[in-house]
C-alpha atoms as a PDB file:
ATOM      1  CA  UNK A   1      89.546 105.049  65.828  1.00  0.00           C
ATOM      2  CA  UNK A   2      90.475 102.513  63.096  1.00  0.00           C
ATOM      3  CA  UNK A   3      86.976 101.180  62.684  1.00  0.00           C
ATOM      4  CA  UNK A   4      83.463 102.726  62.863  1.00  0.00           C
ATOM      5  CA  UNK A   5      81.726 102.277  66.157  1.00  0.00           C
ATOM      6  CA  UNK A   6      78.984  99.603  65.962  1.00  0.00           C
ATOM      7  CA  UNK A   7      75.663 100.069  67.579  1.00  0.00           C
ATOM      8  CA  UNK A   8      73.411  96.818  67.824  1.00  0.00           C
ATOM      9  CA  UNK A   9      69.887  96.742  69.129  1.00  0.00           C
ATOM     10  CA  UNK A  10      68.501  93.587  70.478  1.00  0.00           C
ATOM     11  CA  UNK A  11      64.540  93.749  71.241  1.00  0.00           C
ATOM     12  CA  UNK A  12      64.696  97.468  71.004  1.00  0.00           C
ATOM     13  CA  UNK A  13      63.854  99.665  68.157  1.00  0.00           C
ATOM     14  CA  UNK A  14      66.760 101.595  66.671  1.00  0.00           C
ATOM     15  CA  UNK A  15      66.831 105.302  67.365  1.00  0.00           C
ATOM     16  CA  UNK A  16      68.705 108.222  65.846  1.00  0.00           C
ATOM     17  CA  UNK A  17      68.780 109.954  69.041  1.00  0.00           C
ATOM     18  CA  UNK A  18      70.480 107.012  70.778  1.00  0.00           C
ATOM     19  CA  UNK A  19      72.900 106.616  67.779  1.00  0.00           C
ATOM     20  CA  UNK A  20      73.726 110.288  68.436  1.00  0.00           C
ATOM     21  CA  UNK A  21      74.207 109.823  72.159  1.00  0.00           C
ATOM     22  CA  UNK A  22      76.639 106.860  71.456  1.00  0.00           C
ATOM     23  CA  UNK A  23      78.502 108.960  68.879  1.00  0.00           C
ATOM     24  CA  UNK A  24      79.095 111.702  71.410  1.00  0.00           C
ATOM     25  CA  UNK A  25      80.132 109.331  74.150  1.00  0.00           C
ATOM     26  CA  UNK A  26      82.603 107.519  71.815  1.00  0.00           C
ATOM     27  CA  UNK A  27      84.098 110.993  71.026  1.00  0.00           C
ATOM     28  CA  UNK A  28      84.485 111.532  74.662  1.00  0.00           C
ATOM     29  CA  UNK A  29      86.348 108.185  75.091  1.00  0.00           C
ATOM     30  CA  UNK A  30      88.623 109.100  72.227  1.00  0.00           C
ATOM     31  CA  UNK A  31      89.672 112.135  73.926  1.00  0.00           C
ATOM     32  CA  UNK A  32      90.691 110.008  76.957  1.00  0.00           C
ATOM     33  CA  UNK A  33      92.578 107.440  74.784  1.00  0.00           C
ATOM     34  CA  UNK A  34      93.161 108.089  71.215  1.00  0.00           C
ATOM     35  CA  UNK A  35      94.504 104.644  70.636  1.00  0.00           C
ATOM     36  CA  UNK A  36      90.948 102.950  70.581  1.00  0.00           C
ATOM     37  CA  UNK A  37      90.628 100.678  67.710  1.00  0.00           C
ATOM     38  CA  UNK A  38      87.096  99.913  67.832  1.00  0.00           C
ATOM     39  CA  UNK A  39      83.864 100.308  69.857  1.00  0.00           C
ATOM     40  CA  UNK A  40      80.854  97.825  69.931  1.00  0.00           C
ATOM     41  CA  UNK A  41      77.653  98.867  71.896  1.00  0.00           C
ATOM     42  CA  UNK A  42      75.029  96.298  72.224  1.00  0.00           C
ATOM     43  CA  UNK A  43      71.597  97.707  73.497  1.00  0.00           C
ATOM     44  CA  UNK A  44      69.289  94.938  74.614  1.00  0.00           C
ATOM     45  CA  UNK A  45      66.095  94.466  76.382  1.00  0.00           C
ATOM     46  CA  UNK A  46      64.183  91.290  77.561  1.00  0.00           C
ATOM     47  CA  UNK A  47      61.570  89.946  75.210  1.00  0.00           C
ATOM     48  CA  UNK A  48      58.764  90.180  77.957  1.00  0.00           C
ATOM     49  CA  UNK A  49      57.773  93.755  78.955  1.00  0.00           C
ATOM     50  CA  UNK A  50      57.484  94.244  82.606  1.00  0.00           C
ATOM     51  CA  UNK A  51      54.371  95.893  84.249  1.00  0.00           C
ATOM     52  CA  UNK A  52      56.690  98.338  86.313  1.00  0.00           C
ATOM     53  CA  UNK A  53      58.742  99.408  83.301  1.00  0.00           C
ATOM     54  CA  UNK A  54      61.437  98.087  80.726  1.00  0.00           C
ATOM     55  CA  UNK A  55      64.753  96.855  81.746  1.00  0.00           C
ATOM     56  CA  UNK A  56      67.613  97.956  79.454  1.00  0.00           C
ATOM     57  CA  UNK A  57      71.232  96.324  79.409  1.00  0.00           C
ATOM     58  CA  UNK A  58      74.119  98.019  77.500  1.00  0.00           C
ATOM     59  CA  UNK A  59      77.266  96.094  76.735  1.00  0.00           C
ATOM     60  CA  UNK A  60      79.953  98.158  75.590  1.00  0.00           C
ATOM     61  CA  UNK A  61      83.227  96.711  74.300  1.00  0.00           C
ATOM     62  CA  UNK A  62      86.414  98.712  73.463  1.00  0.00           C
ATOM     63  CA  UNK A  63      89.205  97.331  71.475  1.00  0.00           C
ATOM     64  CA  UNK A  64      92.207  98.912  72.730  1.00  0.00           C
ATOM     65  CA  UNK A  65      96.145  97.866  72.670  1.00  0.00           C
ATOM     66  CA  UNK A  66      96.325  95.383  75.483  1.00  0.00           C
ATOM     67  CA  UNK A  67      93.431  93.705  76.692  1.00  0.00           C
ATOM     68  CA  UNK A  68      89.921  94.836  75.589  1.00  0.00           C
ATOM     69  CA  UNK A  69      87.565  96.781  77.787  1.00  0.00           C
ATOM     70  CA  UNK A  70      84.144  95.339  78.309  1.00  0.00           C
ATOM     71  CA  UNK A  71      81.504  97.052  80.575  1.00  0.00           C
ATOM     72  CA  UNK A  72      77.794  95.947  81.088  1.00  0.00           C
ATOM     73  CA  UNK A  73      75.268  98.137  82.996  1.00  0.00           C
ATOM     74  CA  UNK A  74      71.531  97.552  83.428  1.00  0.00           C
ATOM     75  CA  UNK A  75      69.000 100.152  84.142  1.00  0.00           C
ATOM     76  CA  UNK A  76      65.198  99.959  84.880  1.00  0.00           C
ATOM     77  CA  UNK A  77      63.796 103.088  86.359  1.00  0.00           C
ATOM     78  CA  UNK A  78      61.494 105.768  85.061  1.00  0.00           C
ATOM     79  CA  UNK A  79      60.234 106.074  81.679  1.00  0.00           C
ATOM     80  CA  UNK A  80      61.472 103.825  78.728  1.00  0.00           C
ATOM     81  CA  UNK A  81      63.673 106.476  76.912  1.00  0.00           C
ATOM     82  CA  UNK A  82      65.065 107.782  80.187  1.00  0.00           C
ATOM     83  CA  UNK A  83      66.014 104.179  81.157  1.00  0.00           C
ATOM     84  CA  UNK A  84      68.046 103.582  77.960  1.00  0.00           C
ATOM     85  CA  UNK A  85      69.836 107.004  78.208  1.00  0.00           C
ATOM     86  CA  UNK A  86      70.645 106.140  81.866  1.00  0.00           C
ATOM     87  CA  UNK A  87      72.001 102.713  80.953  1.00  0.00           C
ATOM     88  CA  UNK A  88      73.977 104.082  78.211  1.00  0.00           C
ATOM     89  CA  UNK A  89      75.467 106.933  80.147  1.00  0.00           C
ATOM     90  CA  UNK A  90      76.340 104.471  83.101  1.00  0.00           C
ATOM     91  CA  UNK A  91      78.155 102.099  80.604  1.00  0.00           C
ATOM     92  CA  UNK A  92      80.056 104.752  78.970  1.00  0.00           C
ATOM     93  CA  UNK A  93      81.112 106.482  82.453  1.00  0.00           C
ATOM     94  CA  UNK A  94      82.434 103.212  83.692  1.00  0.00           C
ATOM     95  CA  UNK A  95      84.364 102.717  80.600  1.00  0.00           C
ATOM     96  CA  UNK A  96      85.970 106.198  80.914  1.00  0.00           C
ATOM     97  CA  UNK A  97      87.057 105.194  84.353  1.00  0.00           C
ATOM     98  CA  UNK A  98      88.531 102.016  83.181  1.00  0.00           C
ATOM     99  CA  UNK A  99      90.196 103.715  80.222  1.00  0.00           C
ATOM    100  CA  UNK A 100      91.861 106.381  82.521  1.00  0.00           C
ATOM    101  CA  UNK A 101      92.961 103.596  84.761  1.00  0.00           C
ATOM    102  CA  UNK A 102      94.548 101.601  81.858  1.00  0.00           C
ATOM    103  CA  UNK A 103      96.146 104.743  80.504  1.00  0.00           C
ATOM    104  CA  UNK A 104      97.593 105.452  83.991  1.00  0.00           C
ATOM    105  CA  UNK A 105      98.823 101.907  84.406  1.00  0.00           C
ATOM    106  CA  UNK A 106     100.358 101.874  80.835  1.00  0.00           C
ATOM    107  CA  UNK A 107     102.021 105.141  81.455  1.00  0.00           C
ATOM    108  CA  UNK A 108     103.824 103.715  84.636  1.00  0.00           C
ATOM    109  CA  UNK A 109     105.449 101.058  82.570  1.00  0.00           C
ATOM    110  CA  UNK A 110     108.995 102.133  81.633  1.00  0.00           C
ATOM    111  CA  UNK A 111     111.299 100.750  79.139  1.00  0.00           C
ATOM    112  CA  UNK A 112     114.526  99.685  80.742  1.00  0.00           C
ATOM    113  CA  UNK A 113     117.611 101.222  78.963  1.00  0.00           C
ATOM    114  CA  UNK A 114     120.762  99.287  79.001  1.00  0.00           C
ATOM    115  CA  UNK A 115     124.101 101.401  79.199  1.00  0.00           C
ATOM    116  CA  UNK A 116     126.219 101.314  76.005  1.00  0.00           C
ATOM    117  CA  UNK A 117     129.151  98.923  75.516  1.00  0.00           C
ATOM    118  CA  UNK A 118     132.449 100.537  76.219  1.00  0.00           C
ATOM    119  CA  UNK A 119     136.029  99.598  75.467  1.00  0.00           C
ATOM    120  CA  UNK A 120     139.058 100.319  77.470  1.00  0.00           C
ATOM    121  CA  UNK A 121     142.298  99.147  78.937  1.00  0.00           C
ATOM    122  CA  UNK A 122     143.277  97.969  82.375  1.00  0.00           C
ATOM    123  CA  UNK A 123     145.044 100.771  84.199  1.00  0.00           C
ATOM    124  CA  UNK A 124     145.370  99.081  87.626  1.00  0.00           C
ATOM    125  CA  UNK A 125     144.966  95.255  88.464  1.00  0.00           C
ATOM    126  CA  UNK A 126     145.070  93.867  91.932  1.00  0.00           C
ATOM    127  CA  UNK A 127     144.782  90.174  91.088  1.00  0.00           C
ATOM    128  CA  UNK A 128     145.215  88.977  94.766  1.00  0.00           C
ATOM    129  CA  UNK A 129     142.334  91.329  95.840  1.00  0.00           C
ATOM    130  CA  UNK A 130     140.171  90.551  92.997  1.00  0.00           C
ATOM    131  CA  UNK A 131     139.609  94.103  91.555  1.00  0.00           C
ATOM    132  CA  UNK A 132     140.962  96.555  89.043  1.00  0.00           C
ATOM    133  CA  UNK A 133     140.267  99.911  87.155  1.00  0.00           C
ATOM    134  CA  UNK A 134     139.659 100.288  83.406  1.00  0.00           C
ATOM    135  CA  UNK A 135     140.672 103.366  81.598  1.00  0.00           C
ATOM    136  CA  UNK A 136     137.757 103.705  79.170  1.00  0.00           C
ATOM    137  CA  UNK A 137     138.442 105.122  75.810  1.00  0.00           C
ATOM    138  CA  UNK A 138     136.573 108.210  76.858  1.00  0.00           C
ATOM    139  CA  UNK A 139     139.052 108.889  79.501  1.00  0.00           C
ATOM    140  CA  UNK A 140     136.947 107.935  82.569  1.00  0.00           C
ATOM    141  CA  UNK A 141     138.457 105.449  85.210  1.00  0.00           C
ATOM    142  CA  UNK A 142     135.917 102.510  85.950  1.00  0.00           C
ATOM    143  CA  UNK A 143     136.019 100.090  88.936  1.00  0.00           C
ATOM    144  CA  UNK A 144     135.572  96.503  88.152  1.00  0.00           C
ATOM    145  CA  UNK A 145     135.614  93.268  90.131  1.00  0.00           C
ATOM    146  CA  UNK A 146     136.505  89.745  89.211  1.00  0.00           C
ATOM    147  CA  UNK A 147     132.860  88.773  89.708  1.00  0.00           C
ATOM    148  CA  UNK A 148     132.006  91.263  86.703  1.00  0.00           C
ATOM    149  CA  UNK A 149     133.735  89.100  84.207  1.00  0.00           C
ATOM    150  CA  UNK A 150     131.564  87.072  81.922  1.00  0.00           C
ATOM    151  CA  UNK A 151     134.032  84.467  81.343  1.00  0.00           C
ATOM    152  CA  UNK A 152     136.618  82.922  83.593  1.00  0.00           C
ATOM    153  CA  UNK A 153     139.710  84.995  82.205  1.00  0.00           C
ATOM    154  CA  UNK A 154     140.973  86.478  85.440  1.00  0.00           C
ATOM    155  CA  UNK A 155     144.297  84.700  85.053  1.00  0.00           C
ATOM    156  CA  UNK A 156     144.687  86.052  81.493  1.00  0.00           C
ATOM    157  CA  UNK A 157     144.414  89.810  82.584  1.00  0.00           C
ATOM    158  CA  UNK A 158     147.323  92.152  83.041  1.00  0.00           C
ATOM    159  CA  UNK A 159     147.868  95.883  82.832  1.00  0.00           C
ATOM    160  CA  UNK A 160     146.967  97.037  79.395  1.00  0.00           C
ATOM    161  CA  UNK A 161     144.581  94.411  78.267  1.00  0.00           C
ATOM    162  CA  UNK A 162     141.735  95.663  76.193  1.00  0.00           C
ATOM    163  CA  UNK A 163     138.293  94.967  77.606  1.00  0.00           C
ATOM    164  CA  UNK A 164     134.703  95.686  76.750  1.00  0.00           C
ATOM    165  CA  UNK A 165     132.112  96.485  79.361  1.00  0.00           C
ATOM    166  CA  UNK A 166     129.103  98.459  80.483  1.00  0.00           C
ATOM    167  CA  UNK A 167     129.381 101.419  82.983  1.00  0.00           C
ATOM    168  CA  UNK A 168     126.888 101.722  85.785  1.00  0.00           C
ATOM    169  CA  UNK A 169     126.873 104.531  88.256  1.00  0.00           C
ATOM    170  CA  UNK A 170     127.283 103.446  91.930  1.00  0.00           C
ATOM    171  CA  UNK A 171     127.485 105.358  95.275  1.00  0.00           C
ATOM    172  CA  UNK A 172     131.169 105.419  95.097  1.00  0.00           C
ATOM    173  CA  UNK A 173     131.468 106.273  91.288  1.00  0.00           C
ATOM    174  CA  UNK A 174     131.337 104.298  88.025  1.00  0.00           C
ATOM    175  CA  UNK A 175     131.795 100.559  88.111  1.00  0.00           C
ATOM    176  CA  UNK A 176     131.759  98.007  85.255  1.00  0.00           C
ATOM    177  CA  UNK A 177     129.535  95.062  84.557  1.00  0.00           C
ATOM    178  CA  UNK A 178     129.388  92.434  81.793  1.00  0.00           C
ATOM    179  CA  UNK A 179     133.287  92.767  81.520  1.00  0.00           C
ATOM    180  CA  UNK A 180     135.006  90.551  78.750  1.00  0.00           C
ATOM    181  CA  UNK A 181     138.107  90.553  76.668  1.00  0.00           C
ATOM    182  CA  UNK A 182     137.714  93.028  73.679  1.00  0.00           C
ATOM    183  CA  UNK A 183     138.606  90.383  71.072  1.00  0.00           C
ATOM    184  CA  UNK A 184     136.089  87.757  72.718  1.00  0.00           C
ATOM    185  CA  UNK A 185     132.281  87.855  72.070  1.00  0.00           C
END
């Protein structure tokens, strides 16, 4: 974590045991996602005490690459110390689930890799039918169509003309896209 976790108490007395619980839960979050930048935990209680017990609200904000994760959980059962621990554990458990979901979503994003630009000469050209073959400098024969040209230069093409292109794999073998004259941009 790039910044130290921050624990803020509002209408609640600070407690070393609560700080230790927060520190343990933050360590668990870092094991799930080691790219957490910061963590802010706000522990608050209403000013008025209720006859049936005290309500605690825990708001947890995780700064991570992408959108920040914010979780709020409330607990109002049993003794005061158990309520606070329960609210903290619920907030951190919810944050763990959201971190795991975000990590899974981010892992599914793949970077698109473009094929490299190749060069070659036309080895066969069927002008009337609108297709031809390029013998790439690496020796492969690559099919191309008139529609694959980036400029209107079909009439200038002839056997032996140097072209630049990107080769893609199709069902029937490699074909060329983004075909242009080798001397042209």
